[in-house]
């Protein structure tokens, strides 16, 4: 049984009745008699003060790492002088490694006095930062060791036979003589959104994603986002959180954007995905609780499992069952000038393609561990993700750029889905369980079954 199971259950129960969040819950680490109320109060105050100091040092460490590793800090909305200091001081990686090791000792001591959900996550964040420092200095880890250190989880071994079974089902849906990936690519590209209709389609998709999310959550009245279309990126979409409840959402137009990507990206990057998660973290943990560590988002950290997993799961949460394809067929297809009669076939193909999504983790592990070369990785992506060569090359470029980060999308989604399904019932909805996950500092090992 995971050590945070009781804290999670308490948080869900309290969320359902409007009580306090479980984030401050002390976690019992042994069989000793429970402390008195006075002892708990004193220990809590001392631990909080200690964690506040450690958290500030962690934020400053993360900013300093970002001066060496530009991708490390994905978002920052803390004191400007800390960012200025990181630039001015220009500490060496060797110095940062020593600082990270010292912080690990400090947080371990703080947690030994009574581990909290906050303290446990802070320790994992510092450990991941130390790992990234080591990687930036040239130390190499296997794919599994890298993801364990950075993201607190390891991908399972995958069955090629299961991937082949899904391919066989798609063969039946899209028969023909050309290679299967070319048939899938041609079919999907036939449903690409014309460039002059991209804005209208994405505006409609994000508006619907937002409306469905706001029907369950009270987000700040001034939350907002800006949408941009960009080129020459290794990703298809990105949310750059600006702080003060604002996001910049970018969509890459290097390759044709198929109609189903509008809702996918609208939910993933916006509602109830990245934008919603960042807004809740800033409002509930940074502003309300004063947990300064949530002023920075280190990309290569255990936060990313929840970030990407919740963003992917958020699509199904906002559009359960047949609701996504119905909305696309009735609203987005006409807006894009596409034939709505193709919507049903698109949904069937996508159902089988979803079973192939984990193959990206398999290819990434094989490639980054040196078991296959770049060309073999591209060919495997073409075969199992059923992408054309251009998209396969973009996928491999993403793997080369972000390495083990690819694990967070589909494995993260599975972990989030499992958590939500286990913690929702007649009194706690899936939306409530999802909100608890978004506003509680939990890592992959905390929510795994």
Protein backbone atom coordinates (compact mmCIF):
# COMPACT_ATOMS: atom_id res chain seq x y z
CA UNK A 1 0.00 0.00 0.00
CA UNK A 2 1.41 3.40 -0.97
CA UNK A 3 2.28 5.68 1.93
CA UNK A 4 0.05 8.46 0.60
CA UNK A 5 -3.10 6.34 0.17
CA UNK A 6 -4.65 7.54 3.42
CA UNK A 7 -3.79 11.17 2.68
CA UNK A 8 -5.33 10.91 -0.78
CA UNK A 9 -8.50 9.34 0.55
CA UNK A 10 -8.77 12.03 3.21
CA UNK A 11 -8.28 14.74 0.60
CA UNK A 12 -11.06 13.36 -1.57
CA UNK A 13 -13.43 13.09 1.35
CA UNK A 14 -12.68 16.62 2.49
CA UNK A 15 -12.97 17.98 -1.04
CA UNK A 16 -16.42 16.45 -1.30
CA UNK A 17 -17.59 18.19 1.89
CA UNK A 18 -15.66 21.45 1.45
CA UNK A 19 -13.04 20.76 4.14
CA UNK A 20 -9.32 21.43 4.14
CA UNK A 21 -7.06 19.86 1.57
CA UNK A 22 -4.96 16.84 2.55
CA UNK A 23 -1.74 18.59 1.52
CA UNK A 24 -0.88 19.42 5.14
CA UNK A 25 -1.61 15.93 6.45
CA UNK A 26 1.23 14.37 8.42
CA UNK A 27 2.02 10.86 7.26
CA UNK A 28 2.71 8.21 9.87
CA UNK A 29 6.02 6.43 9.28
CA UNK A 30 5.91 3.93 12.12
CA UNK A 31 3.89 2.32 14.86
CA UNK A 32 4.63 4.77 17.67
CA UNK A 33 1.86 6.42 19.66
CA UNK A 34 0.32 9.44 17.92
CA UNK A 35 1.67 12.81 19.08
CA UNK A 36 -0.39 15.10 21.26
CA UNK A 37 -2.17 18.05 19.73
CA UNK A 38 0.49 20.43 21.10
CA UNK A 39 3.32 18.27 19.75
CA UNK A 40 1.65 18.11 16.34
CA UNK A 41 1.25 21.88 16.26
CA UNK A 42 4.89 22.54 17.17
CA UNK A 43 6.22 19.91 14.73
CA UNK A 44 4.02 21.23 11.95
CA UNK A 45 5.18 24.82 12.48
CA UNK A 46 8.86 23.83 12.59
CA UNK A 47 8.55 21.59 9.53
CA UNK A 48 6.69 24.28 7.59
CA UNK A 49 9.34 26.88 8.36
CA UNK A 50 12.10 24.48 7.35
CA UNK A 51 10.34 23.48 4.12
CA UNK A 52 9.72 27.14 3.26
CA UNK A 53 13.47 27.80 3.41
CA UNK A 54 14.31 24.68 1.44
CA UNK A 55 11.64 25.51 -1.13
CA UNK A 56 13.11 28.96 -1.72
CA UNK A 57 16.57 27.48 -2.18
CA UNK A 58 15.13 24.93 -4.61
CA UNK A 59 13.54 27.64 -6.76
CA UNK A 60 16.81 29.55 -6.88
CA UNK A 61 18.64 26.32 -7.73
CA UNK A 62 16.20 25.58 -10.56
CA UNK A 63 16.71 29.05 -12.04
CA UNK A 64 20.47 28.60 -11.88
CA UNK A 65 20.23 25.22 -13.62
CA UNK A 66 18.18 26.93 -16.32
CA UNK A 67 21.17 29.13 -17.13
CA UNK A 68 23.03 25.96 -18.20
CA UNK A 69 20.07 23.90 -19.42
CA UNK A 70 17.63 26.22 -21.26
CA UNK A 71 14.83 23.63 -21.40
CA UNK A 72 14.90 22.97 -17.65
CA UNK A 73 12.69 25.86 -16.52
CA UNK A 74 9.44 25.59 -18.42
CA UNK A 75 7.70 28.39 -16.51
CA UNK A 76 8.58 30.83 -13.76
CA UNK A 77 6.43 33.46 -12.07
CA UNK A 78 8.24 34.13 -8.82
CA UNK A 79 10.30 37.12 -7.64
CA UNK A 80 12.06 38.77 -10.58
CA UNK A 81 15.16 39.42 -8.50
CA UNK A 82 15.75 35.67 -8.14
CA UNK A 83 15.85 35.27 -11.92
CA UNK A 84 18.17 38.27 -12.17
CA UNK A 85 20.45 36.79 -9.51
CA UNK A 86 20.63 33.46 -11.36
CA UNK A 87 21.83 35.28 -14.48
CA UNK A 88 24.27 37.52 -12.62
CA UNK A 89 25.85 34.84 -10.41
CA UNK A 90 26.40 32.29 -13.20
CA UNK A 91 27.29 29.48 -10.81
CA UNK A 92 29.10 26.46 -12.25
CA UNK A 93 27.45 23.07 -12.61
CA UNK A 94 29.86 21.72 -10.00
CA UNK A 95 28.64 24.36 -7.52
CA UNK A 96 25.00 23.59 -8.35
CA UNK A 97 25.60 19.88 -7.86
CA UNK A 98 26.94 20.54 -4.36
CA UNK A 99 23.98 22.81 -3.58
CA UNK A 100 21.52 20.16 -4.73
CA UNK A 101 23.23 17.51 -2.60
CA UNK A 102 23.05 19.83 0.41
CA UNK A 103 19.35 20.50 -0.18
CA UNK A 104 18.69 16.77 -0.37
CA UNK A 105 20.22 16.33 3.07
CA UNK A 106 18.18 19.25 4.43
CA UNK A 107 14.85 18.06 3.05
CA UNK A 108 15.51 14.49 4.22
CA UNK A 109 16.08 15.79 7.75
CA UNK A 110 12.92 17.89 7.58
CA UNK A 111 10.91 14.92 6.36
CA UNK A 112 12.33 12.66 9.05
CA UNK A 113 10.53 14.80 11.64
CA UNK A 114 7.20 13.97 10.06
CA UNK A 115 6.86 13.60 6.30
CA UNK A 116 4.17 15.63 4.57
CA UNK A 117 2.91 15.38 1.04
CA UNK A 118 4.62 18.70 0.37
CA UNK A 119 7.94 17.55 1.82
CA UNK A 120 7.91 14.27 -0.08
CA UNK A 121 7.38 16.03 -3.41
CA UNK A 122 10.01 18.64 -2.62
CA UNK A 123 12.54 15.88 -1.99
CA UNK A 124 11.70 14.28 -5.34
CA UNK A 125 11.97 17.63 -7.11
CA UNK A 126 15.44 18.22 -5.67
CA UNK A 127 16.55 14.70 -6.55
CA UNK A 128 15.37 15.18 -10.14
CA UNK A 129 17.20 18.52 -10.33
CA UNK A 130 20.41 16.82 -9.17
CA UNK A 131 19.96 14.17 -11.85
CA UNK A 132 19.51 16.81 -14.54
CA UNK A 133 22.66 18.58 -13.35
CA UNK A 134 24.55 15.29 -13.68
CA UNK A 135 23.13 14.76 -17.18
CA UNK A 136 24.08 18.28 -18.21
CA UNK A 137 27.61 17.50 -17.06
CA UNK A 138 27.65 14.52 -19.41
CA UNK A 139 26.61 11.62 -17.20
CA UNK A 140 24.54 9.08 -19.11
CA UNK A 141 21.74 6.94 -17.70
CA UNK A 142 19.71 4.19 -19.28
CA UNK A 143 16.20 5.17 -20.36
CA UNK A 144 14.64 3.42 -17.36
CA UNK A 145 17.10 4.87 -14.85
CA UNK A 146 16.65 8.35 -16.29
CA UNK A 147 12.85 8.20 -16.04
CA UNK A 148 13.01 6.73 -12.53
CA UNK A 149 15.24 9.55 -11.31
CA UNK A 150 13.46 12.37 -13.13
CA UNK A 151 9.84 11.25 -13.26
CA UNK A 152 9.55 8.72 -10.43
CA UNK A 153 8.40 5.92 -12.72
CA UNK A 154 9.58 3.35 -15.24
CA UNK A 155 7.74 2.21 -18.34
CA UNK A 156 6.73 -1.47 -18.47
CA UNK A 157 8.01 -3.85 -21.08
CA UNK A 158 5.71 -3.67 -24.09
CA UNK A 159 4.24 -6.46 -26.18
CA UNK A 160 4.96 -6.09 -29.89
CA UNK A 161 2.24 -8.72 -30.47
CA UNK A 162 -0.35 -6.33 -28.99
CA UNK A 163 0.84 -3.54 -31.26
CA UNK A 164 0.62 -5.89 -34.24
CA UNK A 165 -2.95 -6.84 -33.27
CA UNK A 166 -3.99 -3.19 -33.31
CA UNK A 167 -2.32 -2.73 -36.69
CA UNK A 168 -4.31 -5.70 -38.01
CA UNK A 169 -7.58 -4.04 -36.95
CA UNK A 170 -6.62 -0.84 -38.76
CA UNK A 171 -5.76 -2.90 -41.85
CA UNK A 172 -9.43 -3.96 -41.92
CA UNK A 173 -10.64 -0.37 -41.56
CA UNK A 174 -8.37 1.03 -44.27
CA UNK A 175 -7.71 -1.78 -46.78
CA UNK A 176 -5.32 -1.21 -49.67
CA UNK A 177 -2.01 -2.12 -51.28
CA UNK A 178 0.12 0.74 -49.94
CA UNK A 179 1.99 0.39 -46.63
CA UNK A 180 -0.42 0.80 -43.72
CA UNK A 181 1.21 3.94 -42.38
CA UNK A 182 0.81 5.61 -45.80
CA UNK A 183 -2.89 4.67 -45.90
CA UNK A 184 -3.43 6.05 -42.40
CA UNK A 185 -1.47 9.20 -43.18
CA UNK A 186 -3.40 9.75 -46.43
CA UNK A 187 -6.74 9.24 -44.70
CA UNK A 188 -5.90 11.55 -41.85
CA UNK A 189 -4.42 14.21 -44.13
CA UNK A 190 -7.67 14.16 -46.10
CA UNK A 191 -9.19 15.54 -42.89
CA UNK A 192 -6.60 18.27 -42.38
CA UNK A 193 -7.94 21.70 -41.44
CA UNK A 194 -7.39 24.24 -44.27
CA UNK A 195 -4.94 26.90 -43.15
CA UNK A 196 -7.47 29.70 -43.62
CA UNK A 197 -9.88 27.95 -41.22
CA UNK A 198 -7.43 27.00 -38.48
CA UNK A 199 -8.26 29.96 -36.26
CA UNK A 200 -12.03 29.45 -36.46
CA UNK A 201 -11.78 25.71 -35.78
CA UNK A 202 -9.38 26.08 -32.85
CA UNK A 203 -11.37 28.94 -31.35
CA UNK A 204 -14.51 26.79 -31.42
CA UNK A 205 -12.72 23.75 -30.01
CA UNK A 206 -11.07 25.62 -27.14
CA UNK A 207 -14.31 27.45 -26.36
CA UNK A 208 -16.08 24.11 -25.94
CA UNK A 209 -13.23 22.63 -23.87
CA UNK A 210 -13.34 25.69 -21.62
CA UNK A 211 -17.13 25.64 -21.24
CA UNK A 212 -17.12 21.98 -20.24
CA UNK A 213 -14.36 22.59 -17.69
CA UNK A 214 -15.98 25.69 -16.18
CA UNK A 215 -19.19 23.75 -15.67
CA UNK A 216 -17.27 21.79 -13.01
CA UNK A 217 -14.57 24.17 -11.76
CA UNK A 218 -14.61 27.77 -10.53
CA UNK A 219 -11.46 29.17 -12.10
CA UNK A 220 -10.33 32.75 -11.40
CA UNK A 221 -12.38 35.35 -13.28
CA UNK A 222 -9.25 36.77 -14.91
CA UNK A 223 -7.79 33.49 -16.17
CA UNK A 224 -6.98 33.80 -19.88
CA UNK A 225 -4.82 32.56 -22.73
CA UNK A 226 -3.43 33.69 -26.06
CA UNK A 227 -3.33 31.34 -29.07
CA UNK A 228 -0.53 31.47 -31.64
CA UNK A 229 0.30 29.38 -34.72
CA UNK A 230 4.04 28.77 -35.12
CA UNK A 231 6.50 26.74 -37.22
CA UNK A 232 9.82 24.90 -36.96
CA UNK A 233 9.20 23.17 -33.62
CA UNK A 234 9.81 19.56 -32.46
CA UNK A 235 6.33 19.45 -30.87
CA UNK A 236 2.76 19.81 -32.16
CA UNK A 237 1.51 22.08 -29.38
CA UNK A 238 2.88 23.82 -26.29
CA UNK A 239 1.56 25.77 -23.31
CA UNK A 240 3.89 28.46 -22.02
CA UNK A 241 2.42 29.46 -18.68
CA UNK A 242 3.01 33.17 -18.01
CA UNK A 243 1.81 33.45 -14.42
CA UNK A 244 -1.08 35.56 -13.13
CA UNK A 245 -3.46 32.93 -14.55
CA UNK A 246 -2.36 33.53 -18.16
CA UNK A 247 -1.05 31.07 -20.77
CA UNK A 248 0.44 31.36 -24.23
CA UNK A 249 -0.74 28.36 -26.26
CA UNK A 250 1.22 27.65 -29.44
CA UNK A 251 0.23 25.24 -32.21
CA UNK A 252 2.86 24.06 -34.68
CA UNK A 253 1.77 24.21 -38.33
CA UNK A 254 4.84 22.53 -39.87
CA UNK A 255 2.67 19.55 -40.83
CA UNK A 256 -1.05 19.31 -41.70
CA UNK A 257 -3.27 19.58 -38.61
CA UNK A 258 -5.96 16.92 -38.69
CA UNK A 259 -9.42 17.89 -37.47
CA UNK A 260 -9.28 15.71 -34.32
CA UNK A 261 -6.22 17.59 -33.09
CA UNK A 262 -8.26 20.73 -32.41
CA UNK A 263 -10.11 19.23 -29.44
CA UNK A 264 -7.04 17.22 -28.40
CA UNK A 265 -4.85 20.31 -28.22
CA UNK A 266 -7.65 22.50 -26.85
CA UNK A 267 -8.08 20.14 -23.89
CA UNK A 268 -4.43 19.16 -23.51
CA UNK A 269 -2.90 22.62 -23.65
CA UNK A 270 -5.91 24.46 -22.25
CA UNK A 271 -8.97 23.07 -20.47
CA UNK A 272 -8.85 20.97 -18.33
CA UNK A 273 -5.18 20.39 -19.23
CA UNK A 274 -2.03 22.44 -18.78
CA UNK A 275 -3.62 25.87 -18.44
CA UNK A 276 -6.13 24.67 -15.87
CA UNK A 277 -3.46 22.76 -13.91
CA UNK A 278 -1.11 25.74 -13.84
CA UNK A 279 -3.90 28.10 -12.78
CA UNK A 280 -4.87 25.78 -9.91
CA UNK A 281 -1.27 25.37 -8.78
CA UNK A 282 -0.74 29.13 -8.75
CA UNK A 283 -4.03 29.86 -6.99
CA UNK A 284 -4.17 27.00 -4.49
CA UNK A 285 -0.56 26.12 -3.71
CA UNK A 286 1.46 29.25 -4.48
CA UNK A 287 -0.96 32.05 -3.57
CA UNK A 288 -3.17 30.42 -0.93
CA UNK A 289 -0.60 28.21 0.82
CA UNK A 290 2.51 30.24 0.05
CA UNK A 291 4.43 27.22 -1.29
CA UNK A 292 7.04 29.09 -3.30
CA UNK A 293 8.30 25.95 -5.09
CA UNK A 294 5.21 26.20 -7.31
CA UNK A 295 6.45 29.48 -8.77
CA UNK A 296 8.73 27.40 -11.00
CA UNK A 297 7.97 24.43 -13.21
CA UNK A 298 11.07 22.32 -13.89
CA UNK A 299 10.22 20.40 -17.05
CA UNK A 300 12.41 17.42 -16.20
CA UNK A 301 10.78 16.59 -12.89
CA UNK A 302 8.10 14.35 -11.33
CA UNK A 303 5.57 17.15 -11.86
CA UNK A 304 5.56 16.31 -15.57
CA UNK A 305 3.92 12.91 -15.09
CA UNK A 306 0.85 14.63 -13.68
CA UNK A 307 1.14 17.57 -16.08
CA UNK A 308 1.14 15.48 -19.25
CA UNK A 309 -0.92 12.60 -17.91
CA UNK A 310 -3.72 14.88 -16.71
CA UNK A 311 -3.63 16.87 -19.95
CA UNK A 312 -4.10 13.70 -21.98
CA UNK A 313 -6.72 12.24 -19.65
CA UNK A 314 -8.52 15.60 -19.66
CA UNK A 315 -9.61 14.98 -23.25
CA UNK A 316 -11.65 11.92 -22.24
CA UNK A 317 -12.84 13.64 -19.07
CA UNK A 318 -14.25 16.62 -20.97
CA UNK A 319 -15.56 14.55 -23.90
CA UNK A 320 -16.56 11.12 -22.55
CA UNK A 321 -17.79 8.30 -24.75
CA UNK A 322 -19.07 9.46 -28.13
CA UNK A 323 -19.20 13.14 -27.21
CA UNK A 324 -15.88 14.06 -28.80
CA UNK A 325 -16.59 12.63 -32.23
CA UNK A 326 -20.16 13.99 -32.10
CA UNK A 327 -18.88 17.51 -31.42
CA UNK A 328 -16.26 17.20 -34.14
CA UNK A 329 -18.78 15.87 -36.66
CA UNK A 330 -21.53 18.38 -35.90
CA UNK A 331 -19.45 21.51 -35.25
CA UNK A 332 -15.81 21.29 -36.30
CA UNK A 333 -16.13 19.34 -39.57
CA UNK A 334 -18.53 21.94 -41.05
CA UNK A 335 -16.35 24.81 -39.78
CA UNK A 336 -13.36 23.25 -41.52
CA UNK A 337 -15.31 22.51 -44.70
CA UNK A 338 -14.75 18.76 -44.28
CA UNK A 339 -17.11 15.85 -44.96
CA UNK A 340 -18.83 14.88 -41.67
CA UNK A 341 -19.52 11.41 -43.09
CA UNK A 342 -15.86 10.55 -42.45
CA UNK A 343 -16.15 11.22 -38.72
CA UNK A 344 -17.24 7.70 -37.77
CA UNK A 345 -14.34 6.06 -39.62
CA UNK A 346 -11.93 8.54 -38.04
CA UNK A 347 -13.20 7.56 -34.58
CA UNK A 348 -12.75 3.83 -35.31
CA UNK A 349 -9.22 4.32 -36.63
CA UNK A 350 -8.32 6.46 -33.63
CA UNK A 351 -9.64 3.84 -31.22
CA UNK A 352 -7.11 1.37 -32.58
CA UNK A 353 -4.34 3.97 -32.90
CA UNK A 354 -4.72 4.65 -29.17
CA UNK A 355 -3.61 1.06 -28.55
CA UNK A 356 -0.38 1.85 -30.39
CA UNK A 357 0.43 5.04 -28.47
CA UNK A 358 2.72 3.32 -25.96
CA UNK A 359 4.93 2.13 -28.82
CA UNK A 360 6.59 5.55 -28.71
CA UNK A 361 7.97 4.69 -25.27
CA UNK A 362 9.23 1.36 -26.61
CA UNK A 363 11.00 3.03 -29.54
CA UNK A 364 12.41 5.79 -27.33
CA UNK A 365 13.88 3.25 -24.93
CA UNK A 366 15.40 1.18 -27.73
CA UNK A 367 16.85 4.26 -29.45
CA UNK A 368 18.17 6.11 -26.41
CA UNK A 369 19.70 2.91 -25.02
CA UNK A 370 21.58 2.45 -28.31
CA UNK A 371 19.84 -0.76 -29.34
CA UNK A 372 18.63 0.76 -32.62
CA UNK A 373 19.96 3.61 -34.74
CA UNK A 374 18.15 6.76 -35.85
CA UNK A 375 16.90 5.33 -39.13
CA UNK A 376 15.60 2.22 -37.39
CA UNK A 377 13.81 4.44 -34.87
CA UNK A 378 12.14 6.38 -37.68
CA UNK A 379 11.06 3.15 -39.37
CA UNK A 380 9.62 1.76 -36.13
CA UNK A 381 7.69 4.98 -35.56
CA UNK A 382 6.33 4.76 -39.09
CA UNK A 383 5.29 1.14 -38.51
CA UNK A 384 3.78 1.35 -35.04
CA UNK A 385 2.63 4.95 -34.69
CA UNK A 386 1.50 4.76 -38.33
CA UNK A 387 3.05 8.09 -39.23
CA UNK A 388 4.40 9.27 -42.56
CA UNK A 389 8.11 9.87 -42.75
CA UNK A 390 7.89 13.61 -42.04
CA UNK A 391 5.89 13.06 -38.85
CA UNK A 392 8.10 10.13 -37.82
CA UNK A 393 11.18 12.31 -38.18
CA UNK A 394 9.49 15.00 -36.06
CA UNK A 395 8.71 12.37 -33.40
CA UNK A 396 12.32 11.17 -33.34
CA UNK A 397 13.51 14.77 -33.15
CA UNK A 398 11.26 15.19 -30.09
CA UNK A 399 12.79 12.07 -28.51
CA UNK A 400 16.29 13.37 -29.19
CA UNK A 401 15.41 16.76 -27.70
CA UNK A 402 13.45 15.69 -24.62
CA UNK A 403 14.65 12.10 -24.16
CA UNK A 404 12.74 10.18 -21.46
CA UNK A 405 10.13 12.94 -21.23
CA UNK A 406 8.09 11.04 -23.84
CA UNK A 407 7.12 8.59 -21.10
CA UNK A 408 4.91 11.18 -19.40
CA UNK A 409 2.23 11.33 -22.07
CA UNK A 410 0.73 7.86 -22.35
CA UNK A 411 2.06 6.23 -19.19
CA UNK A 412 1.13 9.41 -17.34
CA UNK A 413 -2.35 9.25 -18.80
CA UNK A 414 -2.78 5.64 -17.68
CA UNK A 415 -1.65 6.52 -14.14
CA UNK A 416 -4.00 9.51 -13.96
CA UNK A 417 -6.91 7.52 -15.37
CA UNK A 418 -6.35 4.76 -12.82
CA UNK A 419 -6.19 7.26 -9.95
CA UNK A 420 -9.39 9.02 -11.02
CA UNK A 421 -11.32 5.81 -11.57
CA UNK A 422 -10.22 4.36 -8.21
CA UNK A 423 -11.11 7.54 -6.35
CA UNK A 424 -14.47 8.40 -7.92
CA UNK A 425 -17.80 7.00 -6.79
CA UNK A 426 -21.40 8.06 -6.16
CA UNK A 427 -20.34 10.96 -3.90
CA UNK A 428 -17.02 11.88 -5.53
CA UNK A 429 -17.23 12.51 -9.26
CA UNK A 430 -14.43 11.95 -11.75
CA UNK A 431 -14.09 15.73 -11.97
CA UNK A 432 -13.65 15.99 -8.18
CA UNK A 433 -11.05 13.22 -8.13
CA UNK A 434 -9.27 14.89 -11.04
CA UNK A 435 -9.24 18.24 -9.21
CA UNK A 436 -7.74 16.60 -6.12
CA UNK A 437 -4.95 15.23 -8.31
CA UNK A 438 -4.31 18.64 -9.89
CA UNK A 439 -4.06 20.41 -6.54
CA UNK A 440 -2.18 17.81 -4.46
CA UNK A 441 1.60 17.35 -4.82
CA UNK A 442 1.63 13.69 -5.86
CA UNK A 443 4.21 11.87 -7.98
CA UNK A 444 3.85 8.78 -10.15
CA UNK A 445 4.74 6.30 -7.39
CA UNK A 446 2.11 7.90 -5.14
CA UNK A 447 -0.76 7.31 -7.55
CA UNK A 448 0.27 3.97 -9.02
CA UNK A 449 -2.03 1.08 -8.04
